[in-house]
């Protein structure tokens, strides 16, 4: 076997062979676990995105690929053996670690070998990495996917995900508190919102402004059904992830009282980056829009696009509540 396998996907047979070889190597180099330690090992049955699955409780060797779980895992003190480091930037240093945490890379070209070499007890897959689910299951049958599912109530999905993670990592009380915090933030935002005021969601990326459809547009779209917001413009999404093409003149014609803006590029800061705030507030065409005139614009946190977990949405709803109440 060459010293470096391809970063592209391995065939299932190769994955199994490599995983078995690494497992045998591990057994040969270390002593067997004490009997009382093995007896103390616990498992729990959870219902993830694919059905019921038995997984270890508080596993020691965890690979996490789903960024919507990162903040929760970080807050709970979980350490990882492998992670998609380019997706993390400096948001979760306790998870990305140093050289001891293997780098799986980005979802477009995941390093499957790094997952195998990390010898995980549990893999938290899904979201950006959902296309390699079958390969991950070949490496470690205890692979779960908990990211919010399309077509389901988003708030309920965030709470379901958190409850599953609470079961797996023996943090049920902490999971319940996260869900309660989300519910409270939503209730406060609903109470503060005046339905006579129209709202529009926008997504800024690549120096351009795109339209985030109510209920579908990434990040900000979920605000509309969750809070009962009145759309300034209501049309179905063509590209829910990146937003739909829209002119600043069309935004101005919709005359929104409020704007909620996701800046997809805020964490990257590459050459030529133009901040969402600059795109919106320096636009001549938008200067007479009520949202701009009254400074009724809520910009999502810079790290939101890389997070998208329950804490990020809780903070978004709290921001909405504060803005509506001001």
Protein backbone atom coordinates (compact mmCIF):
# COMPACT_ATOMS: atom_id res chain seq x y z
CA UNK A 1 0.00 0.00 0.00
CA UNK A 2 1.31 3.44 -0.88
CA UNK A 3 2.13 5.84 1.94
CA UNK A 4 -0.66 8.17 0.93
CA UNK A 5 -4.06 7.14 -0.37
CA UNK A 6 -6.13 9.33 -2.66
CA UNK A 7 -8.24 11.99 -0.92
CA UNK A 8 -11.14 11.01 -3.14
CA UNK A 9 -13.69 8.42 -2.06
CA UNK A 10 -12.43 4.86 -1.54
CA UNK A 11 -14.39 1.85 -2.70
CA UNK A 12 -16.32 0.14 0.14
CA UNK A 13 -14.13 -2.98 -0.01
CA UNK A 14 -11.00 -0.87 0.33
CA UNK A 15 -12.50 1.02 3.26
CA UNK A 16 -13.35 -2.18 5.10
CA UNK A 17 -9.89 -3.66 4.43
CA UNK A 18 -8.10 -0.53 5.58
CA UNK A 19 -10.29 -0.21 8.68
CA UNK A 20 -9.68 -3.85 9.57
CA UNK A 21 -5.93 -3.49 9.13
CA UNK A 22 -5.82 -0.45 11.37
CA UNK A 23 -7.96 -2.21 13.97
CA UNK A 24 -5.61 -5.21 14.01
CA UNK A 25 -2.63 -2.91 14.33
CA UNK A 26 -4.27 -1.23 17.30
CA UNK A 27 -4.98 -4.59 18.97
CA UNK A 28 -1.42 -5.80 18.43
CA UNK A 29 0.15 -2.73 19.93
CA UNK A 30 -2.00 -2.40 23.07
CA UNK A 31 -3.34 -4.56 25.86
CA UNK A 32 -6.94 -5.72 25.90
CA UNK A 33 -9.43 -3.61 27.86
CA UNK A 34 -9.99 -4.76 31.45
CA UNK A 35 -13.12 -6.85 31.97
CA UNK A 36 -14.72 -4.34 34.32
CA UNK A 37 -14.11 -1.53 31.83
CA UNK A 38 -15.74 -3.51 29.03
CA UNK A 39 -18.69 -4.31 31.28
CA UNK A 40 -19.12 -0.65 32.09
CA UNK A 41 -19.46 0.30 28.41
CA UNK A 42 -22.97 1.57 27.67
CA UNK A 43 -24.99 1.97 24.52
CA UNK A 44 -28.15 3.87 23.72
CA UNK A 45 -30.68 3.48 20.93
CA UNK A 46 -31.42 6.74 19.12
CA UNK A 47 -33.59 7.61 16.15
CA UNK A 48 -31.46 9.59 13.71
CA UNK A 49 -32.25 10.65 10.14
CA UNK A 50 -32.08 7.04 8.96
CA UNK A 51 -33.95 5.26 11.75
CA UNK A 52 -33.07 3.48 15.00
CA UNK A 53 -29.40 2.85 15.70
CA UNK A 54 -27.41 1.64 18.72
CA UNK A 55 -24.43 3.83 19.57
CA UNK A 56 -22.01 4.09 22.49
CA UNK A 57 -22.76 6.55 25.29
CA UNK A 58 -20.05 9.20 25.81
CA UNK A 59 -17.75 7.70 23.17
CA UNK A 60 -14.06 8.49 23.49
CA UNK A 61 -13.05 8.61 19.83
CA UNK A 62 -15.46 10.87 17.94
CA UNK A 63 -15.34 12.10 14.36
CA UNK A 64 -17.72 15.03 13.79
CA UNK A 65 -18.39 16.33 10.28
CA UNK A 66 -21.75 18.09 10.68
CA UNK A 67 -21.07 21.75 11.45
CA UNK A 68 -24.57 22.18 12.94
CA UNK A 69 -23.36 20.07 15.89
CA UNK A 70 -19.99 21.77 16.47
CA UNK A 71 -21.05 24.42 18.99
CA UNK A 72 -22.93 21.88 21.07
CA UNK A 73 -20.02 19.42 21.06
CA UNK A 74 -17.60 22.21 21.92
CA UNK A 75 -19.75 23.49 24.80
CA UNK A 76 -20.08 19.96 26.17
CA UNK A 77 -16.33 19.41 26.22
CA UNK A 78 -16.29 16.69 23.57
CA UNK A 79 -12.89 16.09 21.97
CA UNK A 80 -12.54 14.88 18.40
CA UNK A 81 -10.09 12.59 16.66
CA UNK A 82 -10.91 13.91 13.17
CA UNK A 83 -12.81 16.90 11.82
CA UNK A 84 -13.24 19.05 8.68
CA UNK A 85 -10.78 21.71 9.80
CA UNK A 86 -11.19 24.06 6.78
CA UNK A 87 -14.87 24.34 7.72
CA UNK A 88 -14.09 25.38 11.28
CA UNK A 89 -11.77 28.37 10.91
CA UNK A 90 -11.13 29.57 14.48
CA UNK A 91 -14.68 29.15 15.73
CA UNK A 92 -14.16 25.87 17.62
CA UNK A 93 -10.49 25.58 18.66
CA UNK A 94 -11.29 22.92 21.25
CA UNK A 95 -12.60 20.68 18.46
CA UNK A 96 -10.13 21.38 15.66
CA UNK A 97 -7.16 21.00 18.02
CA UNK A 98 -3.62 20.49 16.79
CA UNK A 99 -1.98 17.73 14.78
CA UNK A 100 -3.59 15.12 17.01
CA UNK A 101 -6.95 15.88 15.35
CA UNK A 102 -6.83 14.52 11.81
CA UNK A 103 -8.11 16.76 9.01
CA UNK A 104 -10.96 15.33 6.92
CA UNK A 105 -10.98 18.39 4.65
CA UNK A 106 -14.03 19.83 2.95
CA UNK A 107 -17.07 17.94 1.75
CA UNK A 108 -16.22 18.47 -1.92
CA UNK A 109 -13.19 16.19 -1.60
CA UNK A 110 -13.25 14.52 1.82
CA UNK A 111 -10.20 12.66 3.05
CA UNK A 112 -11.75 9.28 3.74
CA UNK A 113 -8.38 7.88 4.77
CA UNK A 114 -8.24 10.37 7.66
CA UNK A 115 -11.59 9.08 8.96
CA UNK A 116 -10.36 5.49 8.80
CA UNK A 117 -7.02 6.32 10.43
CA UNK A 118 -8.74 8.05 13.35
CA UNK A 119 -10.35 4.73 14.39
CA UNK A 120 -13.61 6.33 15.60
CA UNK A 121 -16.06 4.87 18.08
CA UNK A 122 -18.71 7.21 16.69
CA UNK A 123 -19.08 9.32 13.55
CA UNK A 124 -21.40 12.33 13.53
CA UNK A 125 -22.01 12.78 9.82
CA UNK A 126 -24.61 14.57 7.76
CA UNK A 127 -25.36 18.01 6.37
CA UNK A 128 -22.52 18.98 4.02
CA UNK A 129 -21.14 15.43 4.27
CA UNK A 130 -24.41 13.56 3.76
CA UNK A 131 -23.34 12.24 0.34
CA UNK A 132 -20.69 9.98 1.91
CA UNK A 133 -22.99 8.46 4.53
CA UNK A 134 -22.67 4.93 3.10
CA UNK A 135 -18.88 5.14 3.15
CA UNK A 136 -18.87 6.37 6.72
CA UNK A 137 -21.13 3.46 7.74
CA UNK A 138 -18.63 1.06 6.17
CA UNK A 139 -15.90 2.56 8.35
CA UNK A 140 -17.95 2.69 11.57
CA UNK A 141 -21.51 1.32 11.79
CA UNK A 142 -22.09 3.71 14.71
CA UNK A 143 -22.56 6.64 12.34
CA UNK A 144 -25.39 9.07 12.98
CA UNK A 145 -26.89 11.93 11.01
CA UNK A 146 -28.96 14.42 12.98
CA UNK A 147 -29.00 17.59 10.86
CA UNK A 148 -32.39 19.24 10.26
CA UNK A 149 -34.32 17.44 7.53
CA UNK A 150 -35.85 19.21 4.56
CA UNK A 151 -39.61 19.61 4.69
CA UNK A 152 -39.81 19.36 8.48
CA UNK A 153 -40.45 22.12 11.01
CA UNK A 154 -37.02 23.68 11.49
CA UNK A 155 -37.38 24.49 15.19
CA UNK A 156 -38.55 20.97 15.96
CA UNK A 157 -35.62 19.59 13.97
CA UNK A 158 -33.07 21.65 15.91
CA UNK A 159 -34.56 20.39 19.17
CA UNK A 160 -34.65 16.79 17.90
CA UNK A 161 -30.99 16.99 16.92
CA UNK A 162 -30.04 18.39 20.30
CA UNK A 163 -32.00 15.71 22.17
CA UNK A 164 -30.23 12.96 20.20
CA UNK A 165 -26.82 14.44 20.96
CA UNK A 166 -27.85 14.69 24.61
CA UNK A 167 -28.58 10.96 24.67
CA UNK A 168 -25.32 10.06 22.97
CA UNK A 169 -23.06 12.27 25.08
CA UNK A 170 -24.96 11.82 28.36
CA UNK A 171 -25.99 15.49 28.42
CA UNK A 172 -29.78 15.23 28.56
CA UNK A 173 -30.23 18.12 30.99
CA UNK A 174 -27.98 20.38 28.94
CA UNK A 175 -29.87 19.42 25.77
CA UNK A 176 -33.20 20.25 27.41
CA UNK A 177 -31.87 23.66 28.43
CA UNK A 178 -30.74 24.45 24.88
CA UNK A 179 -34.21 23.64 23.59
CA UNK A 180 -35.83 25.74 26.31
CA UNK A 181 -33.57 28.68 25.42
CA UNK A 182 -34.59 28.40 21.77
CA UNK A 183 -38.29 28.31 22.68
CA UNK A 184 -37.91 31.38 24.90
CA UNK A 185 -36.11 33.37 22.20
CA UNK A 186 -38.81 32.52 19.67
CA UNK A 187 -41.59 33.47 22.07
CA UNK A 188 -39.95 36.82 22.79
CA UNK A 189 -39.54 37.59 19.09
CA UNK A 190 -43.15 36.67 18.32
CA UNK A 191 -44.38 38.89 21.12
CA UNK A 192 -42.30 41.87 19.95
CA UNK A 193 -43.15 41.65 16.24
CA UNK A 194 -45.80 43.87 14.66
CA UNK A 195 -47.32 41.87 11.76
CA UNK A 196 -48.25 45.08 9.94
CA UNK A 197 -44.54 45.58 9.21
CA UNK A 198 -43.17 43.69 6.23
CA UNK A 199 -39.91 41.78 6.27
CA UNK A 200 -37.43 40.62 3.62
CA UNK A 201 -34.54 38.19 3.92
CA UNK A 202 -31.35 38.73 1.94
CA UNK A 203 -28.17 36.73 1.38
CA UNK A 204 -24.97 38.58 0.49
CA UNK A 205 -22.14 36.76 -1.29
CA UNK A 206 -19.55 37.55 -3.92
CA UNK A 207 -20.29 41.26 -3.78
CA UNK A 208 -23.94 40.72 -4.67
CA UNK A 209 -27.27 40.70 -2.85
CA UNK A 210 -29.62 37.73 -3.31
CA UNK A 211 -33.18 37.10 -2.21
CA UNK A 212 -33.87 34.61 0.60
CA UNK A 213 -37.34 33.15 0.11
CA UNK A 214 -39.63 32.94 3.15
CA UNK A 215 -39.41 29.49 4.69
CA UNK A 216 -36.72 28.32 2.27
CA UNK A 217 -33.90 30.85 2.03
CA UNK A 218 -30.85 29.81 3.98
CA UNK A 219 -30.67 31.00 7.56
CA UNK A 220 -33.12 33.88 7.40
CA UNK A 221 -35.87 32.02 5.58
CA UNK A 222 -36.90 30.08 8.68
CA UNK A 223 -37.77 33.32 10.48
CA UNK A 224 -40.94 33.73 8.44
CA UNK A 225 -42.90 30.58 9.36
CA UNK A 226 -41.42 30.42 12.86
CA UNK A 227 -42.31 34.00 13.83
CA UNK A 228 -45.25 34.54 11.50
CA UNK A 229 -43.51 37.38 9.66
CA UNK A 230 -45.27 39.25 6.86
CA UNK A 231 -43.15 38.97 3.69
CA UNK A 232 -42.46 42.12 1.72
CA UNK A 233 -42.01 39.82 -1.28
CA UNK A 234 -43.30 36.27 -1.31
CA UNK A 235 -42.03 33.98 -4.03
CA UNK A 236 -40.67 30.44 -3.98
CA UNK A 237 -36.95 29.78 -3.83
CA UNK A 238 -34.98 28.66 -6.86
CA UNK A 239 -31.70 28.41 -4.95
CA UNK A 240 -32.40 28.12 -1.24
CA UNK A 241 -28.73 27.79 -0.30
CA UNK A 242 -27.21 30.71 -2.19
CA UNK A 243 -30.30 32.87 -2.65
CA UNK A 244 -32.09 33.93 -5.83
CA UNK A 245 -31.09 36.68 -8.19
CA UNK A 246 -32.80 39.96 -7.44
CA UNK A 247 -32.07 43.55 -8.38
CA UNK A 248 -31.76 46.29 -5.80
CA UNK A 249 -34.59 48.00 -7.68
CA UNK A 250 -36.85 45.00 -7.01
CA UNK A 251 -35.92 45.11 -3.33
CA UNK A 252 -36.73 48.81 -3.24
CA UNK A 253 -40.06 48.20 -4.97
CA UNK A 254 -41.00 45.65 -2.30
CA UNK A 255 -40.43 48.45 0.26
CA UNK A 256 -39.62 46.25 3.30
CA UNK A 257 -39.87 47.68 6.81
CA UNK A 258 -37.31 45.17 8.03
CA UNK A 259 -34.32 43.38 6.50
CA UNK A 260 -32.59 40.26 7.83
CA UNK A 261 -29.28 39.71 6.10
CA UNK A 262 -26.97 36.69 6.00
CA UNK A 263 -23.40 37.41 4.86
CA UNK A 264 -22.08 34.10 3.51
CA UNK A 265 -18.56 35.46 3.00
CA UNK A 266 -18.06 37.23 6.34
CA UNK A 267 -15.71 34.62 7.83
CA UNK A 268 -13.61 34.17 4.72
CA UNK A 269 -12.51 37.77 4.17
CA UNK A 270 -10.90 37.00 0.83
CA UNK A 271 -9.57 39.63 -1.54
CA UNK A 272 -12.41 41.61 -3.05
CA UNK A 273 -14.76 40.86 -0.17
CA UNK A 274 -17.54 43.40 0.25
CA UNK A 275 -19.45 43.26 3.54
CA UNK A 276 -23.20 42.82 3.46
CA UNK A 277 -23.62 46.02 5.45
CA UNK A 278 -21.77 47.98 2.77
CA UNK A 279 -23.76 46.39 -0.05
CA UNK A 280 -27.09 47.24 1.58
CA UNK A 281 -26.50 50.57 3.25
CA UNK A 282 -24.37 52.13 0.50
CA UNK A 283 -26.79 51.23 -2.27
CA UNK A 284 -28.28 54.34 -3.86
CA UNK A 285 -31.33 52.34 -4.94
CA UNK A 286 -32.08 51.27 -1.37
CA UNK A 287 -31.58 54.56 0.43
CA UNK A 288 -35.33 55.32 0.59
CA UNK A 289 -36.39 51.84 1.69
CA UNK A 290 -37.98 52.06 5.17
CA UNK A 291 -35.70 49.36 6.59
CA UNK A 292 -32.62 51.35 5.57
CA UNK A 293 -34.02 54.73 6.54
CA UNK A 294 -35.07 53.51 9.99
CA UNK A 295 -32.00 51.31 10.47
CA UNK A 296 -34.26 48.31 10.86
CA UNK A 297 -31.72 45.81 9.58
CA UNK A 298 -30.55 42.71 11.42
CA UNK A 299 -27.25 41.23 10.24
CA UNK A 300 -26.60 37.65 11.24
CA UNK A 301 -23.35 36.89 13.06
CA UNK A 302 -20.29 36.54 10.86
CA UNK A 303 -19.94 32.87 11.77
CA UNK A 304 -23.58 31.95 11.19
CA UNK A 305 -23.00 30.37 7.76
CA UNK A 306 -20.39 28.01 9.25
CA UNK A 307 -22.45 27.25 12.35
CA UNK A 308 -26.20 26.98 11.74
CA UNK A 309 -26.71 25.07 14.99
CA UNK A 310 -29.29 25.55 17.71
CA UNK A 311 -27.21 28.20 19.50
CA UNK A 312 -26.84 30.24 16.31
CA UNK A 313 -30.60 30.23 15.72
CA UNK A 314 -31.33 31.01 19.36
CA UNK A 315 -29.08 34.07 19.06
CA UNK A 316 -30.77 35.05 15.79
CA UNK A 317 -34.23 34.94 17.37
CA UNK A 318 -32.98 36.89 20.37
CA UNK A 319 -31.59 39.51 17.98
CA UNK A 320 -34.95 39.64 16.23
CA UNK A 321 -36.75 40.09 19.55
CA UNK A 322 -34.45 42.92 20.60
CA UNK A 323 -34.73 44.64 17.22
CA UNK A 324 -38.53 44.41 17.07
CA UNK A 325 -38.85 45.67 20.64
CA UNK A 326 -36.56 48.68 20.18
